[in-house]
Each structure stands twice: as structure tokens, then as C-alpha cells.
Amino acid sequence: MTEPTTPQSCGVVAILGAPNAGKSTLVNALVGQKVAIVSPKAQTTRARVMGIAIEGDTQIILVDTPGIFEPERRLDRAMVAAAWDGTDGADLVALVVDGKGGIGPKVHAVIDSLRGRKGRKILILNKVDIADKPRLLGHAAKLNEALAFDETYFVSAQTGDGVPELKAALAGAMPQGEWHFPEDQVSDATDRMLAAEVTREQLYLQLHAELPYASAIETEKYSERADGSVEIHQQILVARDTQRAIVLGKGGQRLKEIGSRARAELAKLLGVPVHLYLHVKVNPKWEEDRGLYREIGLDWVD
């Protein structure tokens, strides 16, 4: 006689928050490996990134959204639209707040927008490893006063403190249903998209404030060689010649370093040798390129 199988559960959790709250780091921690790029710069995440976490018989589909802020440019509007679109159909909305940075106008703006949305909402105070503990409790009280959250969690996505407990709680909140993805799949991003994101991450990590958001990565070619290695050709798009000079660095050394680190990271993530070829192109109107928006996973917003 066949033993009855344990019912599976599967659901969607939308991860929202102001820029730099640590949403991508938290998604990576919950999945157990890197699926979203991370940098100290705010607004690193541009498009919706789906991470897939497993807890027992439950599959948790995590939608990492761009930080919500007051949009000024078309790219900004597309990013904010992607954030709110990520909440559509979610079984649970999780608001991530920087426990060290505290509660500012951007956090209140997100709460105001959440107030009229139906469904379960939880509060996650992140960065507890570097936050003042009495202030954390004060933040939790004020935020729950502003919006009655179903649950409040204190975690450090960086150190992993509180993450297992949060993951178990998320799994418990998911409805019964068949898994949407194979057990070994950790993201919905294609390898082509991942390659562009890893290079953009290195731009942020190495250039810091020198090139604030004035760049994008376009993958011109992604192919597998006969020996199993991957060949990738990418354009780094910037708006001005002065920005091109910043990316190149003296004698092209900075671009070489960006390529070297991105290549090493991709080889680790893909599990095969990577041949990465980068060049820098000046295009003052790259933010008006509909095709590029599709490439980076954003909808065109008028």
C-alpha cells in the first residue's frame, strides 16, 4: 500500500521597502544563495527579481522589488511601477525596514500606499546586528501604530540572525498547492539576465558615487562554446563621454578590473568557465530605449 504523500504548499511573498532597506540581501539569505545583486547604493534593484526558497514541503516564491521612492525620470517611474506590480496576486506582503536607519518619509510613503491594499502584511525590521535595540522596539511600535501588521520580525539578512525563524513563518503562511517550479530552481532570471546584473553590480561596487545610476548593461551575445564554457559580450551604456572615461579608468584598467571580478562571480554562479568581453558605449538617450527596458525586465512607463 502506497503511503500518502504530504500535501505541498506554495505561495508568493512580495518584498517591499524603501531603497537600501536590505531587501535583496534578505531574499538571497532566504533562498540560500545569490539570486539578486547587492551593493551599498540605494536603488540597486531595478526590476522584479524572483527568488525561490524551499522550506520542508513548501515552496516560497519571493518577489524582490525595486525600492519605492519618489520617481523623477522614466527609469524611476518604471522601477516604482515594477515594485507595486510585484504585490499583485501575492499571498503575503512583507515590508522591510532598515532597523538602523529608522523611519523616514520614504517608509511612511510606502505604509500610506499599503494601507488600502488587502491581504496579509508583515513587518521585517532588518539590520538588527548594527541597530540600537531600544530604538528597534520603538520603530516596531510606531510602525504597527501606523499600520496594523499581522506579524513583526527582527532579522539581520547579513548575518542570518532571525532568518530561519522568518523563513519558517513565511512557509507556514503559504496556501496548500503544487509547487510552481522544479526543486532545484532558485530564480526565474535567465543566465543572460543574471550576467548583465552581475556586471552592473561590479559597476556599483567599484565606481561608488562616481557613476550614480547613469549606466545600464546590454548583453549583445550570450552563447555556449563547444567546451562547455560561456562566451558573453556586453555593452556598458553611459550618457556622456566623461562617464565613459570614468568606467574605462586610466589606460582601461578600471574596465579590466570590472570585467575580471564580474567574470569570476559569473563563473562561480554558473559553474562553468566564462569569457566576458566588455566595451563602453556613449548613448545620451539610453533611458528612452524601449528594447533596453525589455532587456532589463522593466515595462515601458509613459
Protein backbone atom coordinates (compact mmCIF):
# COMPACT_ATOMS: atom_id res chain seq x y z
CA MET A 1 0.00 0.00 0.00
CA THR A 2 1.40 3.39 -1.01
CA GLU A 3 1.98 5.82 1.86
CA PRO A 4 0.08 9.12 1.44
CA THR A 5 2.33 11.99 0.44
CA THR A 6 2.49 15.16 2.50
CA PRO A 7 0.49 17.95 0.84
CA GLN A 8 2.65 20.60 -0.78
CA SER A 9 2.25 24.31 -0.20
CA CYS A 10 3.26 27.14 -2.50
CA GLY A 11 2.76 30.89 -2.40
CA VAL A 12 4.11 34.31 -3.30
CA VAL A 13 5.69 36.81 -0.91
CA ALA A 14 6.22 40.37 -2.18
CA ILE A 15 9.23 42.06 -0.55
CA LEU A 16 8.68 45.82 -0.37
CA GLY A 17 10.51 48.71 1.22
CA ALA A 18 12.32 51.98 0.78
CA PRO A 19 15.68 51.97 -1.03
CA ASN A 20 18.60 50.38 0.82
CA ALA A 21 16.48 48.51 3.38
CA GLY A 22 18.33 45.28 2.56
CA LYS A 23 15.59 43.56 0.55
CA SER A 24 17.92 41.83 -1.92
CA THR A 25 20.27 40.63 0.82
CA LEU A 26 17.25 39.19 2.65
CA VAL A 27 15.97 37.40 -0.47
CA ASN A 28 19.41 35.88 -1.03
CA ALA A 29 19.53 34.76 2.61
CA LEU A 30 16.08 33.14 2.41
CA VAL A 31 16.89 31.35 -0.87
CA GLY A 32 20.27 30.24 0.45
CA GLN A 33 22.29 31.57 -2.46
CA LYS A 34 22.70 34.68 -4.57
CA VAL A 35 19.78 35.47 -6.87
CA ALA A 36 19.74 39.27 -6.56
CA ILE A 37 22.65 41.68 -6.83
CA VAL A 38 23.63 43.70 -3.77
CA SER A 39 25.56 46.93 -3.28
CA PRO A 40 25.67 49.69 -0.64
CA LYS A 41 23.97 52.03 -3.12
CA ALA A 42 20.25 52.62 -2.83
CA GLN A 43 18.03 51.55 -5.75
CA THR A 44 20.39 48.77 -6.84
CA THR A 45 17.45 46.51 -7.78
CA ARG A 46 15.79 47.81 -10.94
CA ALA A 47 13.36 45.09 -11.97
CA ARG A 48 11.35 42.44 -10.17
CA VAL A 49 13.61 39.55 -9.24
CA MET A 50 12.02 36.27 -8.27
CA GLY A 51 13.84 34.06 -5.77
CA ILE A 52 12.57 30.58 -4.94
CA ALA A 53 13.06 29.25 -1.40
CA ILE A 54 12.22 25.78 -0.09
CA GLU A 55 11.18 25.07 3.49
CA GLY A 56 10.11 21.47 4.05
CA ASP A 57 7.17 20.77 1.74
CA THR A 58 6.65 24.46 1.00
CA GLN A 59 7.92 26.49 -1.93
CA ILE A 60 8.12 30.22 -1.21
CA ILE A 61 8.25 32.46 -4.27
CA LEU A 62 9.95 35.68 -3.19
CA VAL A 63 9.46 38.74 -5.36
CA ASP A 64 12.31 41.17 -4.66
CA THR A 65 11.10 44.57 -5.82
CA PRO A 66 12.92 47.84 -6.50
CA GLY A 67 12.94 50.25 -3.58
CA ILE A 68 9.92 52.56 -3.56
CA PHE A 69 10.79 56.25 -3.82
CA GLU A 70 9.53 59.44 -5.45
CA PRO A 71 10.19 58.90 -9.18
CA GLU A 72 11.70 61.69 -11.27
CA ARG A 73 12.77 60.08 -14.55
CA ARG A 74 11.17 57.50 -16.84
CA LEU A 75 13.50 54.83 -15.47
CA ASP A 76 12.46 55.77 -11.92
CA ARG A 77 8.78 55.51 -12.83
CA ALA A 78 9.32 52.09 -14.40
CA MET A 79 11.16 50.87 -11.28
CA VAL A 80 8.44 52.06 -8.89
CA ALA A 81 5.74 50.57 -11.13
CA ALA A 82 7.63 47.25 -11.06
CA ALA A 83 7.67 47.39 -7.26
CA TRP A 84 3.92 47.79 -6.94
CA ASP A 85 3.24 45.28 -9.73
CA GLY A 86 5.21 42.79 -7.65
CA THR A 87 2.49 42.88 -4.98
CA ASP A 88 -0.29 41.86 -7.39
CA GLY A 89 -1.54 38.41 -6.53
CA ALA A 90 0.88 37.99 -3.61
CA ASP A 91 -0.27 35.82 -0.71
CA LEU A 92 1.74 37.94 1.68
CA VAL A 93 3.33 41.40 1.54
CA ALA A 94 6.48 41.91 3.63
CA LEU A 95 7.63 45.46 4.37
CA VAL A 96 11.37 45.52 5.06
CA VAL A 97 12.64 48.48 7.10
CA ASP A 98 16.26 49.38 7.84
CA GLY A 99 16.33 48.96 11.63
CA LYS A 100 19.44 51.11 11.94
CA GLY A 101 18.35 53.88 9.60
CA GLY A 102 14.93 54.14 11.16
CA ILE A 103 11.64 55.54 9.92
CA GLY A 104 11.78 58.34 7.38
CA PRO A 105 9.41 59.89 4.84
CA LYS A 106 10.10 57.10 2.32
CA VAL A 107 8.99 54.42 4.78
CA HIS A 108 5.85 56.39 5.66
CA ALA A 109 5.06 56.79 1.94
CA VAL A 110 5.18 53.00 1.48
CA ILE A 111 2.95 52.48 4.52
CA ASP A 112 0.44 55.02 3.22
CA SER A 113 0.26 53.14 -0.07
CA LEU A 114 -0.08 49.77 1.68
CA ARG A 115 -2.92 50.94 3.89
CA GLY A 116 -5.61 50.40 1.26
CA ARG A 117 -4.26 47.08 -0.02
CA LYS A 118 -5.98 43.88 1.05
CA GLY A 119 -4.29 40.74 2.31
CA ARG A 120 -1.79 39.81 4.98
CA LYS A 121 1.09 42.17 5.68
CA ILE A 122 4.11 41.60 7.89
CA LEU A 123 6.84 43.94 9.11
CA ILE A 124 10.51 42.92 8.96
CA LEU A 125 13.00 45.11 10.79
CA ASN A 126 16.36 44.35 9.19
CA LYS A 127 19.99 45.04 10.21
CA VAL A 128 19.39 44.22 13.87
CA ASP A 129 23.09 43.34 14.20
CA ILE A 130 24.06 47.00 13.86
CA ALA A 131 20.93 48.70 15.20
CA ASP A 132 20.30 50.08 18.67
CA LYS A 133 17.97 47.57 20.39
CA PRO A 134 15.74 50.04 22.32
CA ARG A 135 15.30 52.09 19.11
CA LEU A 136 14.31 48.92 17.24
CA LEU A 137 11.46 48.27 19.65
CA GLY A 138 10.39 51.89 19.31
CA HIS A 139 10.39 51.61 15.50
CA ALA A 140 8.30 48.44 15.69
CA ALA A 141 5.73 50.11 17.95
CA LYS A 142 5.44 53.22 15.76
CA LEU A 143 5.15 51.25 12.53
CA ASN A 144 2.47 48.97 13.95
CA GLU A 145 0.64 52.07 15.13
CA ALA A 146 0.74 53.45 11.58
CA LEU A 147 -0.39 50.14 10.05
CA ALA A 148 -1.60 47.06 11.89
CA PHE A 149 0.79 44.37 10.66
CA ASP A 150 -0.15 40.72 11.16
CA GLU A 151 3.33 39.89 12.48
CA THR A 152 6.63 41.67 13.20
CA TYR A 153 10.06 40.06 12.77
CA PHE A 154 13.56 41.20 13.70
CA VAL A 155 16.36 39.89 11.46
CA SER A 156 19.82 40.51 10.12
CA ALA A 157 19.92 39.42 6.49
CA GLN A 158 23.69 39.98 6.56
CA THR A 159 24.49 37.65 9.48
CA GLY A 160 21.47 35.36 9.17
CA ASP A 161 20.18 36.18 12.64
CA GLY A 162 16.42 35.51 12.73
CA VAL A 163 16.30 34.39 9.09
CA PRO A 164 15.47 30.68 9.76
CA GLU A 165 12.58 31.70 12.03
CA LEU A 166 11.31 34.15 9.40
CA LYS A 167 11.59 31.53 6.66
CA ALA A 168 9.60 29.03 8.73
CA ALA A 169 6.92 31.66 9.39
CA LEU A 170 6.67 32.52 5.68
CA ALA A 171 6.31 28.83 4.84
CA GLY A 172 3.53 28.50 7.41
CA ALA A 173 1.63 31.34 5.77
CA MET A 174 1.64 29.82 2.28
CA PRO A 175 -1.52 28.15 0.95
CA GLN A 176 -1.65 24.49 0.02
CA GLY A 177 -0.93 23.85 -3.64
CA GLU A 178 1.52 22.28 -6.05
CA TRP A 179 4.95 23.81 -6.49
CA HIS A 180 5.31 26.19 -9.43
CA PHE A 181 8.98 25.50 -10.08
CA PRO A 182 11.33 22.47 -10.04
CA GLU A 183 13.02 21.80 -6.70
CA ASP A 184 16.49 22.79 -7.96
CA GLN A 185 15.43 26.14 -9.49
CA VAL A 186 16.32 29.18 -7.36
CA SER A 187 15.26 32.06 -9.63
CA ASP A 188 13.21 32.91 -12.69
CA ALA A 189 16.05 35.02 -14.12
CA THR A 190 17.73 33.71 -17.26
CA ASP A 191 21.51 33.28 -17.30
CA ARG A 192 21.63 36.15 -19.80
CA MET A 193 19.83 38.47 -17.36
CA LEU A 194 21.99 37.26 -14.48
CA ALA A 195 25.15 38.06 -16.45
CA ALA A 196 24.02 41.65 -17.05
CA GLU A 197 23.10 42.10 -13.39
CA VAL A 198 26.45 40.79 -12.14
CA THR A 199 28.34 43.25 -14.35
CA ARG A 200 26.09 46.10 -13.15
CA GLU A 201 26.78 45.06 -9.57
CA GLN A 202 30.51 45.40 -10.17
CA LEU A 203 29.97 48.85 -11.68
CA TYR A 204 28.23 49.93 -8.48
CA LEU A 205 30.77 48.30 -6.17
CA GLN A 206 33.81 49.76 -7.92
CA LEU A 207 32.58 53.17 -9.04
CA HIS A 208 30.50 54.04 -5.96
CA ALA A 209 29.20 57.63 -6.32
CA GLU A 210 31.23 58.36 -9.45
CA LEU A 211 28.56 56.98 -11.76
CA PRO A 212 25.20 57.28 -9.97
CA TYR A 213 22.64 55.26 -11.96
CA ALA A 214 23.84 56.79 -15.24
CA SER A 215 24.55 53.40 -16.75
CA ALA A 216 22.96 50.20 -17.99
CA ILE A 217 24.21 46.85 -19.26
CA GLU A 218 23.11 45.46 -22.63
CA THR A 219 24.03 41.87 -23.46
CA GLU A 220 24.82 41.66 -27.17
CA LYS A 221 25.76 37.97 -27.24
CA TYR A 222 25.44 35.01 -24.86
CA SER A 223 26.48 31.63 -26.20
CA GLU A 224 27.92 28.30 -25.07
CA ARG A 225 31.21 27.14 -26.57
CA ALA A 226 31.87 23.53 -27.55
CA ASP A 227 34.00 23.02 -24.42
CA GLY A 228 31.06 23.93 -22.14
CA SER A 229 32.29 27.41 -21.30
CA VAL A 230 30.16 30.52 -21.88
CA GLU A 231 31.02 33.50 -24.07
CA ILE A 232 29.37 36.81 -23.17
CA HIS A 233 29.63 40.17 -24.95
CA GLN A 234 28.18 43.18 -23.12
CA GLN A 235 27.88 46.90 -23.69
CA ILE A 236 28.07 49.28 -20.75
CA LEU A 237 25.83 52.17 -21.75
CA VAL A 238 26.53 55.66 -20.39
CA ALA A 239 25.11 59.05 -21.27
CA ARG A 240 28.27 61.16 -21.64
CA ASP A 241 31.92 60.91 -22.72
CA THR A 242 33.04 61.92 -19.22
CA GLN A 243 31.17 58.91 -17.82
CA ARG A 244 32.83 56.65 -20.39
CA ALA A 245 36.21 57.87 -19.17
CA ILE A 246 35.24 57.05 -15.56
CA VAL A 247 34.28 53.48 -16.47
CA LEU A 248 37.41 52.93 -18.55
CA GLY A 249 39.80 54.36 -15.97
CA LYS A 250 43.43 55.16 -16.68
CA GLY A 251 44.65 53.00 -19.54
CA GLY A 252 41.42 50.98 -19.38
CA GLN A 253 42.43 49.50 -16.01
CA ARG A 254 39.10 50.08 -14.28
CA LEU A 255 37.13 48.36 -17.05
CA LYS A 256 39.55 45.42 -16.87
CA GLU A 257 39.00 45.14 -13.12
CA ILE A 258 35.21 45.33 -13.52
CA GLY A 259 35.39 42.58 -16.13
CA SER A 260 37.74 40.42 -14.07
CA ARG A 261 35.55 40.49 -10.96
CA ALA A 262 32.30 40.04 -12.91
CA ARG A 263 33.84 37.08 -14.77
CA ALA A 264 34.90 35.40 -11.54
CA GLU A 265 31.46 35.92 -9.95
CA LEU A 266 29.67 34.56 -13.02
CA ALA A 267 31.91 31.50 -13.21
CA LYS A 268 31.02 30.76 -9.58
CA LEU A 269 27.28 31.25 -10.14
CA LEU A 270 27.07 29.41 -13.48
CA GLY A 271 29.52 26.66 -12.57
CA VAL A 272 31.42 26.90 -15.88
CA PRO A 273 34.35 28.97 -17.23
CA VAL A 274 33.23 32.37 -18.53
CA HIS A 275 34.72 34.50 -21.30
CA LEU A 276 33.43 38.03 -20.72
CA TYR A 277 34.02 40.86 -23.20
CA LEU A 278 33.05 44.39 -22.15
CA HIS A 279 33.06 47.67 -24.00
CA VAL A 280 31.66 51.08 -23.14
CA LYS A 281 29.26 52.94 -25.41
CA VAL A 282 28.03 56.53 -25.10
CA ASN A 283 24.30 56.86 -25.77
CA PRO A 284 22.71 60.04 -24.33
CA LYS A 285 19.24 58.57 -24.90
CA TRP A 286 19.69 55.07 -23.50
CA GLU A 287 16.92 55.69 -20.96
CA GLU A 288 14.50 56.17 -23.85
CA ASP A 289 15.25 52.80 -25.48
CA ARG A 290 12.17 50.55 -25.22
CA GLY A 291 14.20 47.49 -26.17
CA LEU A 292 16.62 48.08 -23.31
CA TYR A 293 13.74 48.23 -20.83
CA ARG A 294 12.64 44.78 -22.04
CA GLU A 295 16.26 43.60 -21.73
CA ILE A 296 16.46 44.59 -18.06
CA GLY A 297 12.97 43.32 -17.23
CA LEU A 298 11.05 46.59 -16.92
CA ASP A 299 7.83 47.73 -18.56
CA TRP A 300 7.79 50.97 -20.53
CA VAL A 301 6.03 53.67 -18.50
CA ASP A 302 4.84 56.90 -20.14
